[in-house]
Amino acid sequence: MPRPMKWRRVCCLPDSIRYGPLDGTADESDVVQMSVDEYETIRLIDAEGYTQEECSEHMNVSRSTIQSIYDSARKKLADSLVYGKVLWIE
């Protein structure tokens, strides 16, 4: 039986949930979906300057969990920026 998922603390939801190319030619295959947990991790570490340990304490999860969430979020951001895909935060 899998371990139950811990509730994660998220400060606030983003004002805008869609980011991407301005030309509006993106279709369904050009969409990258980012979770709110990934958004919060990027916000805390990159925008607020938290360490991974401080971020893990703030979100009430382990540091290794934050590290995997952060790695996933960075890959999604890079995919969106490099290949011009729309980024949805859900």
Protein backbone atom coordinates (compact mmCIF):
# COMPACT_ATOMS: atom_id res chain seq x y z
CA MET A 1 0.00 0.00 0.00
CA PRO A 2 1.51 3.35 -1.01
CA ARG A 3 2.30 5.99 1.51
CA PRO A 4 -0.33 8.76 1.73
CA MET A 5 0.57 12.06 0.10
CA LYS A 6 1.43 14.91 2.48
CA TRP A 7 -0.46 18.16 2.14
CA ARG A 8 1.80 20.86 0.75
CA ARG A 9 1.55 24.49 1.72
CA VAL A 10 1.22 26.91 -1.18
CA CYS A 11 1.17 30.63 -0.44
CA CYS A 12 -0.91 31.83 -3.38
CA LEU A 13 -1.96 30.90 -6.86
CA PRO A 14 -0.45 32.79 -9.80
CA ASP A 15 -2.32 35.78 -11.20
CA SER A 16 -2.01 34.37 -14.70
CA ILE A 17 -2.02 30.63 -15.45
CA ARG A 18 -1.03 30.78 -19.14
CA TYR A 19 2.30 31.92 -20.53
CA GLY A 20 3.68 31.47 -23.99
CA PRO A 21 4.36 32.85 -27.45
CA LEU A 22 2.58 36.06 -28.37
CA ASP A 23 1.67 34.96 -31.90
CA GLY A 24 -1.02 32.59 -30.58
CA THR A 25 -0.29 29.78 -33.04
CA ALA A 26 0.26 27.12 -30.38
CA ASP A 27 -1.85 23.98 -30.60
CA GLU A 28 -2.55 21.19 -28.09
CA SER A 29 0.80 19.47 -28.77
CA ASP A 30 2.71 22.64 -27.88
CA VAL A 31 1.52 22.86 -24.26
CA VAL A 32 3.55 22.21 -21.12
CA GLN A 33 1.55 21.70 -17.92
CA MET A 34 3.10 22.78 -14.64
CA SER A 35 1.58 21.94 -11.26
CA VAL A 36 0.96 24.51 -8.57
CA ASP A 37 3.60 22.73 -6.43
CA GLU A 38 6.17 23.26 -9.18
CA TYR A 39 5.16 26.91 -9.54
CA GLU A 40 5.47 27.46 -5.77
CA THR A 41 8.89 25.81 -5.69
CA ILE A 42 10.17 28.02 -8.53
CA ARG A 43 8.70 31.09 -6.81
CA LEU A 44 10.28 30.34 -3.45
CA ILE A 45 13.72 29.27 -4.67
CA ASP A 46 14.28 31.54 -7.67
CA ALA A 47 12.14 34.61 -6.93
CA GLU A 48 12.27 34.73 -3.12
CA GLY A 49 15.83 33.36 -2.75
CA TYR A 50 15.01 30.47 -0.40
CA THR A 51 17.33 27.50 -0.17
CA GLN A 52 15.90 24.07 -0.94
CA GLU A 53 15.89 23.32 2.78
CA GLU A 54 14.00 26.52 3.63
CA CYS A 55 11.57 25.83 0.80
CA SER A 56 10.95 22.31 2.09
CA GLU A 57 10.18 23.64 5.57
CA HIS A 58 7.84 26.26 4.12
CA MET A 59 5.96 23.71 1.97
CA ASN A 60 5.97 21.03 4.69
CA VAL A 61 7.73 18.31 2.65
CA SER A 62 11.19 16.76 2.63
CA ARG A 63 14.16 18.42 0.95
CA SER A 64 14.54 15.54 -1.50
CA THR A 65 10.91 16.01 -2.57
CA ILE A 66 11.57 19.71 -3.18
CA GLN A 67 14.64 18.84 -5.21
CA SER A 68 12.67 16.52 -7.50
CA ILE A 69 9.81 19.05 -7.86
CA TYR A 70 12.32 21.82 -8.64
CA ASP A 71 14.13 19.70 -11.25
CA SER A 72 10.83 18.89 -12.95
CA ALA A 73 9.74 22.55 -12.92
CA ARG A 74 13.05 23.73 -14.41
CA LYS A 75 12.79 21.20 -17.25
CA LYS A 76 9.25 22.35 -18.01
CA LEU A 77 10.29 26.02 -18.01
CA ALA A 78 13.20 25.28 -20.32
CA ASP A 79 10.97 23.27 -22.66
CA SER A 80 8.50 26.15 -22.84
CA LEU A 81 11.15 28.83 -23.43
CA VAL A 82 13.41 26.97 -25.84
CA TYR A 83 10.73 25.40 -28.01
CA GLY A 84 8.11 28.17 -27.78
CA LYS A 85 5.46 26.07 -26.06
CA VAL A 86 2.59 27.43 -24.01
CA LEU A 87 3.02 26.96 -20.24
CA TRP A 88 -0.15 26.18 -18.25
CA ILE A 89 -0.10 26.26 -14.47
CA GLU A 90 -2.77 24.00 -12.97
